[in-house]
């Protein structure tokens, strides 16, 4: 029995990362290792879609979803009917444009 519980727990130890290719910045407030609910071994989303345009006005850089001890324990306790995990959203670093150069004093426009 303990070996089968360990095997079930290890099934939930997968981490998923998705990259957009934009340079990483900071996570928005409250979206670093945020509790993310799902059901039926993670096949049904419990939180609904996240509004990434509102969270990251400059775009998103990375999305990470991973279990931890507490989310695995919750999954085991519910026989993985409820399957939470931890979600981290990393916003893209805002694009900074170079300041315009001053023209040479010797040239006229």
N, C-alpha and C. Protein backbone atom coordinates (compact mmCIF):
# COMPACT_ATOMS: atom_id res chain seq x y z
N UNK A 1 0.82 -1.20 0.00
CA UNK A 1 0.00 0.00 0.00
C UNK A 1 0.86 1.27 0.00
N UNK A 2 1.87 1.42 0.88
CA UNK A 2 2.68 2.64 0.84
C UNK A 2 3.43 2.80 -0.48
N UNK A 3 3.85 1.70 -1.09
CA UNK A 3 4.56 1.79 -2.37
C UNK A 3 3.63 2.32 -3.46
N UNK A 4 2.38 1.91 -3.45
CA UNK A 4 1.44 2.40 -4.46
C UNK A 4 1.13 3.88 -4.26
N UNK A 5 1.05 4.33 -3.01
CA UNK A 5 0.85 5.75 -2.76
C UNK A 5 2.06 6.56 -3.20
N UNK A 6 3.25 6.04 -2.97
CA UNK A 6 4.46 6.71 -3.41
C UNK A 6 4.49 6.80 -4.94
N UNK A 7 4.11 5.72 -5.60
CA UNK A 7 4.08 5.72 -7.07
C UNK A 7 3.07 6.74 -7.58
N UNK A 8 1.89 6.82 -6.96
CA UNK A 8 0.90 7.81 -7.36
C UNK A 8 1.42 9.23 -7.13
N UNK A 9 2.10 9.43 -6.02
CA UNK A 9 2.67 10.75 -5.73
C UNK A 9 3.73 11.16 -6.72
N UNK A 10 4.53 10.20 -7.17
CA UNK A 10 5.58 10.52 -8.12
C UNK A 10 5.03 10.84 -9.50
N UNK A 11 3.84 10.34 -9.80
CA UNK A 11 3.23 10.67 -11.09
C UNK A 11 2.94 12.16 -11.19
N UNK A 12 2.72 12.83 -10.07
CA UNK A 12 2.39 14.24 -10.09
C UNK A 12 3.60 15.14 -9.98
N UNK A 13 4.80 14.62 -10.14
CA UNK A 13 6.00 15.43 -9.97
C UNK A 13 6.50 16.04 -11.27
N UNK A 14 5.64 16.23 -12.22
CA UNK A 14 6.06 16.80 -13.50
C UNK A 14 5.93 18.32 -13.44
N UNK A 15 6.89 18.99 -14.03
CA UNK A 15 6.88 20.45 -14.11
C UNK A 15 6.77 20.83 -15.58
N UNK A 16 5.94 21.81 -15.87
CA UNK A 16 5.77 22.27 -17.24
C UNK A 16 6.14 23.74 -17.30
N UNK A 17 6.97 24.10 -18.29
CA UNK A 17 7.35 25.50 -18.52
C UNK A 17 7.09 25.81 -19.98
N UNK A 18 6.51 26.98 -20.20
CA UNK A 18 6.25 27.46 -21.56
C UNK A 18 6.91 28.83 -21.67
N UNK A 19 7.69 29.02 -22.73
CA UNK A 19 8.41 30.27 -22.95
C UNK A 19 7.86 30.96 -24.19
N UNK A 20 7.75 32.28 -24.13
CA UNK A 20 7.27 33.04 -25.29
C UNK A 20 8.41 33.54 -26.16
N UNK A 21 9.63 33.57 -25.62
CA UNK A 21 10.76 34.10 -26.35
C UNK A 21 11.08 35.55 -26.00
N UNK A 22 10.20 36.19 -25.22
CA UNK A 22 10.46 37.56 -24.79
C UNK A 22 11.38 37.54 -23.57
N UNK A 23 12.17 38.57 -23.36
CA UNK A 23 13.09 38.59 -22.21
C UNK A 23 12.30 38.63 -20.90
N UNK A 24 12.71 37.84 -19.90
CA UNK A 24 11.96 37.78 -18.65
C UNK A 24 12.12 39.04 -17.81
N UNK A 25 11.02 39.37 -17.15
CA UNK A 25 11.00 40.48 -16.19
C UNK A 25 10.62 39.93 -14.83
N UNK A 26 9.62 40.51 -14.22
CA UNK A 26 9.17 40.10 -12.89
C UNK A 26 7.78 39.49 -12.96
N UNK A 27 7.46 38.62 -11.99
CA UNK A 27 6.08 38.11 -11.90
C UNK A 27 5.15 39.21 -11.41
N UNK A 28 3.90 39.22 -11.88
CA UNK A 28 2.95 40.17 -11.32
C UNK A 28 2.64 39.80 -9.87
N UNK A 29 2.21 40.76 -9.09
CA UNK A 29 1.92 40.51 -7.67
C UNK A 29 0.88 39.40 -7.52
N UNK A 30 1.22 38.42 -6.70
CA UNK A 30 0.31 37.32 -6.43
C UNK A 30 0.36 36.17 -7.42
N UNK A 31 1.26 36.23 -8.38
CA UNK A 31 1.33 35.17 -9.40
C UNK A 31 2.66 34.44 -9.40
N UNK A 32 3.32 34.40 -8.26
CA UNK A 32 4.52 33.59 -8.10
C UNK A 32 4.18 32.44 -7.18
N UNK A 33 4.18 31.22 -7.70
CA UNK A 33 3.82 30.01 -6.98
C UNK A 33 2.38 30.09 -6.44
N UNK A 34 1.49 30.61 -7.26
CA UNK A 34 0.08 30.75 -6.92
C UNK A 34 -0.60 29.38 -6.97
N UNK A 35 -1.50 29.12 -6.03
CA UNK A 35 -2.25 27.87 -5.99
C UNK A 35 -3.18 27.84 -7.20
N UNK A 36 -3.08 26.80 -8.01
CA UNK A 36 -3.88 26.64 -9.22
C UNK A 36 -4.68 25.35 -9.11
N UNK A 37 -5.99 25.46 -9.18
CA UNK A 37 -6.86 24.29 -9.02
C UNK A 37 -7.14 23.63 -10.36
N UNK A 38 -7.17 22.31 -10.33
CA UNK A 38 -7.62 21.53 -11.48
C UNK A 38 -8.22 20.24 -10.94
N UNK A 39 -8.85 19.49 -11.82
CA UNK A 39 -9.55 18.28 -11.42
C UNK A 39 -9.20 17.12 -12.35
N UNK A 40 -9.48 15.91 -11.89
CA UNK A 40 -9.30 14.70 -12.68
C UNK A 40 -7.90 14.59 -13.26
N UNK A 41 -6.92 14.49 -12.36
CA UNK A 41 -5.50 14.36 -12.74
C UNK A 41 -5.00 15.55 -13.54
N UNK A 42 -5.60 16.72 -13.35
CA UNK A 42 -5.16 17.92 -14.05
C UNK A 42 -5.74 18.11 -15.43
N UNK A 43 -6.71 17.30 -15.81
CA UNK A 43 -7.27 17.40 -17.16
C UNK A 43 -8.36 18.46 -17.27
N UNK A 44 -8.95 18.88 -16.15
CA UNK A 44 -10.00 19.90 -16.17
C UNK A 44 -9.55 21.10 -15.34
N UNK A 45 -9.55 22.26 -15.94
CA UNK A 45 -9.10 23.48 -15.28
C UNK A 45 -10.14 23.93 -14.26
N UNK A 46 -9.70 24.35 -13.08
CA UNK A 46 -10.61 24.80 -12.05
C UNK A 46 -10.62 26.30 -11.85
N UNK A 47 -9.65 27.02 -12.39
CA UNK A 47 -9.55 28.45 -12.17
C UNK A 47 -10.07 29.31 -13.33
N UNK A 48 -10.33 28.73 -14.44
CA UNK A 48 -10.71 29.53 -15.60
C UNK A 48 -9.48 30.14 -16.23
N UNK A 49 -9.63 30.84 -17.33
CA UNK A 49 -8.46 31.42 -18.01
C UNK A 49 -7.91 32.62 -17.23
N UNK A 50 -6.61 32.84 -17.36
CA UNK A 50 -5.95 34.00 -16.76
C UNK A 50 -5.84 35.09 -17.82
N UNK A 51 -6.11 36.33 -17.44
CA UNK A 51 -6.04 37.46 -18.35
C UNK A 51 -4.59 37.96 -18.41
N UNK A 52 -3.78 37.34 -19.25
CA UNK A 52 -2.36 37.68 -19.33
C UNK A 52 -2.14 39.08 -19.89
N UNK A 53 -3.05 39.59 -20.72
CA UNK A 53 -2.90 40.95 -21.23
C UNK A 53 -3.01 41.97 -20.10
N UNK A 54 -3.87 41.70 -19.14
CA UNK A 54 -4.02 42.60 -17.99
C UNK A 54 -2.87 42.42 -17.01
N UNK A 55 -2.46 41.16 -16.77
CA UNK A 55 -1.39 40.89 -15.82
C UNK A 55 -0.04 41.39 -16.31
N UNK A 56 0.21 41.23 -17.60
CA UNK A 56 1.52 41.58 -18.18
C UNK A 56 1.31 42.47 -19.41
N UNK A 57 1.21 43.78 -19.21
CA UNK A 57 0.96 44.67 -20.35
C UNK A 57 2.04 44.60 -21.44
N UNK A 58 3.28 44.26 -21.08
CA UNK A 58 4.36 44.15 -22.07
C UNK A 58 4.46 42.75 -22.66
N UNK A 59 3.53 41.87 -22.31
CA UNK A 59 3.55 40.49 -22.76
C UNK A 59 4.10 39.58 -21.68
N UNK A 60 3.95 38.29 -21.87
CA UNK A 60 4.46 37.33 -20.89
C UNK A 60 5.71 36.67 -21.44
N UNK A 61 6.57 36.25 -20.52
CA UNK A 61 7.82 35.62 -20.90
C UNK A 61 7.81 34.12 -20.60
N UNK A 62 7.26 33.75 -19.45
CA UNK A 62 7.31 32.35 -19.03
C UNK A 62 6.09 32.01 -18.18
N UNK A 63 5.55 30.81 -18.40
CA UNK A 63 4.51 30.24 -17.56
C UNK A 63 5.05 28.93 -17.02
N UNK A 64 4.93 28.74 -15.73
CA UNK A 64 5.42 27.52 -15.10
C UNK A 64 4.31 26.96 -14.22
N UNK A 65 4.07 25.67 -14.35
CA UNK A 65 3.11 24.98 -13.49
C UNK A 65 3.79 23.73 -12.95
N UNK A 66 3.80 23.59 -11.62
CA UNK A 66 4.53 22.50 -10.99
C UNK A 66 3.86 22.14 -9.66
N UNK A 67 3.92 20.88 -9.28
CA UNK A 67 3.40 20.49 -7.97
C UNK A 67 4.43 20.75 -6.88
N UNK A 68 3.97 20.76 -5.66
CA UNK A 68 4.86 20.78 -4.50
C UNK A 68 4.28 19.79 -3.48
N UNK A 69 4.89 19.71 -2.32
CA UNK A 69 4.46 18.72 -1.32
C UNK A 69 2.97 18.88 -0.99
N UNK A 70 2.52 20.11 -0.78
CA UNK A 70 1.14 20.34 -0.35
C UNK A 70 0.13 20.04 -1.45
N UNK A 71 0.46 20.37 -2.68
CA UNK A 71 -0.47 20.09 -3.77
C UNK A 71 -0.54 18.58 -4.05
N UNK A 72 0.58 17.90 -3.92
CA UNK A 72 0.56 16.44 -4.09
C UNK A 72 -0.23 15.79 -2.96
N UNK A 73 -0.06 16.29 -1.74
CA UNK A 73 -0.82 15.75 -0.60
C UNK A 73 -2.31 15.94 -0.81
N UNK A 74 -2.71 17.10 -1.33
CA UNK A 74 -4.14 17.33 -1.60
C UNK A 74 -4.63 16.38 -2.69
N UNK A 75 -3.81 16.14 -3.69
CA UNK A 75 -4.19 15.20 -4.75
C UNK A 75 -4.34 13.78 -4.22
N UNK A 76 -3.39 13.35 -3.41
CA UNK A 76 -3.45 11.99 -2.84
C UNK A 76 -4.68 11.85 -1.95
N UNK A 77 -4.97 12.88 -1.15
CA UNK A 77 -6.11 12.81 -0.23
C UNK A 77 -7.44 12.71 -0.97
N UNK A 78 -7.50 13.23 -2.18
CA UNK A 78 -8.75 13.18 -2.95
C UNK A 78 -8.68 12.16 -4.09
N UNK A 79 -7.68 11.28 -4.05
CA UNK A 79 -7.45 10.30 -5.11
C UNK A 79 -7.32 10.98 -6.48
N UNK A 80 -6.73 12.17 -6.47
CA UNK A 80 -6.45 12.98 -7.65
C UNK A 80 -7.70 13.42 -8.41
N UNK A 81 -8.86 13.38 -7.72
CA UNK A 81 -10.04 14.01 -8.32
C UNK A 81 -9.85 15.53 -8.29
N UNK A 82 -9.25 16.03 -7.21
CA UNK A 82 -8.83 17.43 -7.12
C UNK A 82 -7.31 17.41 -7.24
N UNK A 83 -6.79 18.11 -8.22
CA UNK A 83 -5.36 18.04 -8.51
C UNK A 83 -4.77 19.45 -8.60
N UNK A 84 -4.47 20.08 -7.48
CA UNK A 84 -3.90 21.42 -7.54
C UNK A 84 -2.42 21.39 -7.90
N UNK A 85 -1.90 22.53 -8.25
CA UNK A 85 -0.47 22.69 -8.52
C UNK A 85 -0.12 24.15 -8.27
N UNK A 86 1.14 24.50 -8.47
CA UNK A 86 1.61 25.88 -8.27
C UNK A 86 1.87 26.50 -9.63
N UNK A 87 1.34 27.71 -9.84
CA UNK A 87 1.49 28.42 -11.10
C UNK A 87 2.34 29.67 -10.88
N UNK A 88 3.30 29.89 -11.76
CA UNK A 88 4.09 31.12 -11.77
C UNK A 88 4.00 31.74 -13.15
N UNK A 89 3.65 33.03 -13.19
CA UNK A 89 3.62 33.80 -14.43
C UNK A 89 4.77 34.80 -14.36
N UNK A 90 5.61 34.82 -15.37
CA UNK A 90 6.70 35.78 -15.45
C UNK A 90 6.40 36.70 -16.63
N UNK A 91 6.29 37.99 -16.35
CA UNK A 91 6.02 38.97 -17.40
C UNK A 91 7.29 39.26 -18.18
N UNK A 92 7.10 39.73 -19.39
CA UNK A 92 8.24 40.14 -20.21
C UNK A 92 8.77 41.48 -19.70
N UNK A 93 10.06 41.65 -19.84
CA UNK A 93 10.68 42.93 -19.46
C UNK A 93 10.18 43.99 -20.43
N UNK A 94 9.75 45.15 -19.92
CA UNK A 94 9.28 46.20 -20.82
C UNK A 94 10.40 46.64 -21.78
N UNK A 95 10.02 46.91 -23.01
CA UNK A 95 10.98 47.34 -24.02
C UNK A 95 11.36 48.78 -23.72
N UNK A 96 12.65 49.05 -23.70
CA UNK A 96 13.14 50.41 -23.47
C UNK A 96 13.82 50.89 -24.74
N UNK A 97 13.34 51.98 -25.24
CA UNK A 97 13.92 52.56 -26.45
C UNK A 97 15.01 53.53 -26.06
N UNK A 98 16.04 53.63 -26.91
CA UNK A 98 17.13 54.57 -26.66
C UNK A 98 16.64 55.99 -26.86
N UNK A 99 17.16 56.88 -26.04
CA UNK A 99 16.79 58.29 -26.16
C UNK A 99 17.33 58.82 -27.49
N UNK A 100 16.58 59.73 -28.12
CA UNK A 100 17.07 60.27 -29.39
C UNK A 100 18.36 61.06 -29.17
N UNK A 101 19.25 60.96 -30.12
CA UNK A 101 20.52 61.68 -30.02
C UNK A 101 20.31 63.15 -30.37
N UNK A 102 21.05 63.96 -29.68
CA UNK A 102 21.04 65.37 -30.03
C UNK A 102 21.86 65.55 -31.30
N UNK A 103 21.40 66.41 -32.19
CA UNK A 103 22.15 66.61 -33.43
C UNK A 103 23.43 67.37 -33.13
N UNK A 104 24.42 67.22 -34.00
CA UNK A 104 25.68 67.94 -33.83
C UNK A 104 25.44 69.44 -33.89
N UNK A 105 26.11 70.22 -33.04
CA UNK A 105 25.88 71.66 -33.04
C UNK A 105 26.30 72.33 -34.35
N UNK A 106 27.18 71.71 -35.10
CA UNK A 106 27.66 72.32 -36.33
C UNK A 106 26.76 72.11 -37.52
N UNK A 107 25.72 71.30 -37.39
CA UNK A 107 24.85 71.02 -38.53
C UNK A 107 23.51 71.69 -38.33
N UNK A 108 22.97 72.18 -39.39
CA UNK A 108 21.65 72.82 -39.33
C UNK A 108 20.61 71.85 -39.86
N UNK A 109 19.42 71.91 -39.32
CA UNK A 109 18.36 71.02 -39.82
C UNK A 109 17.88 71.38 -41.18
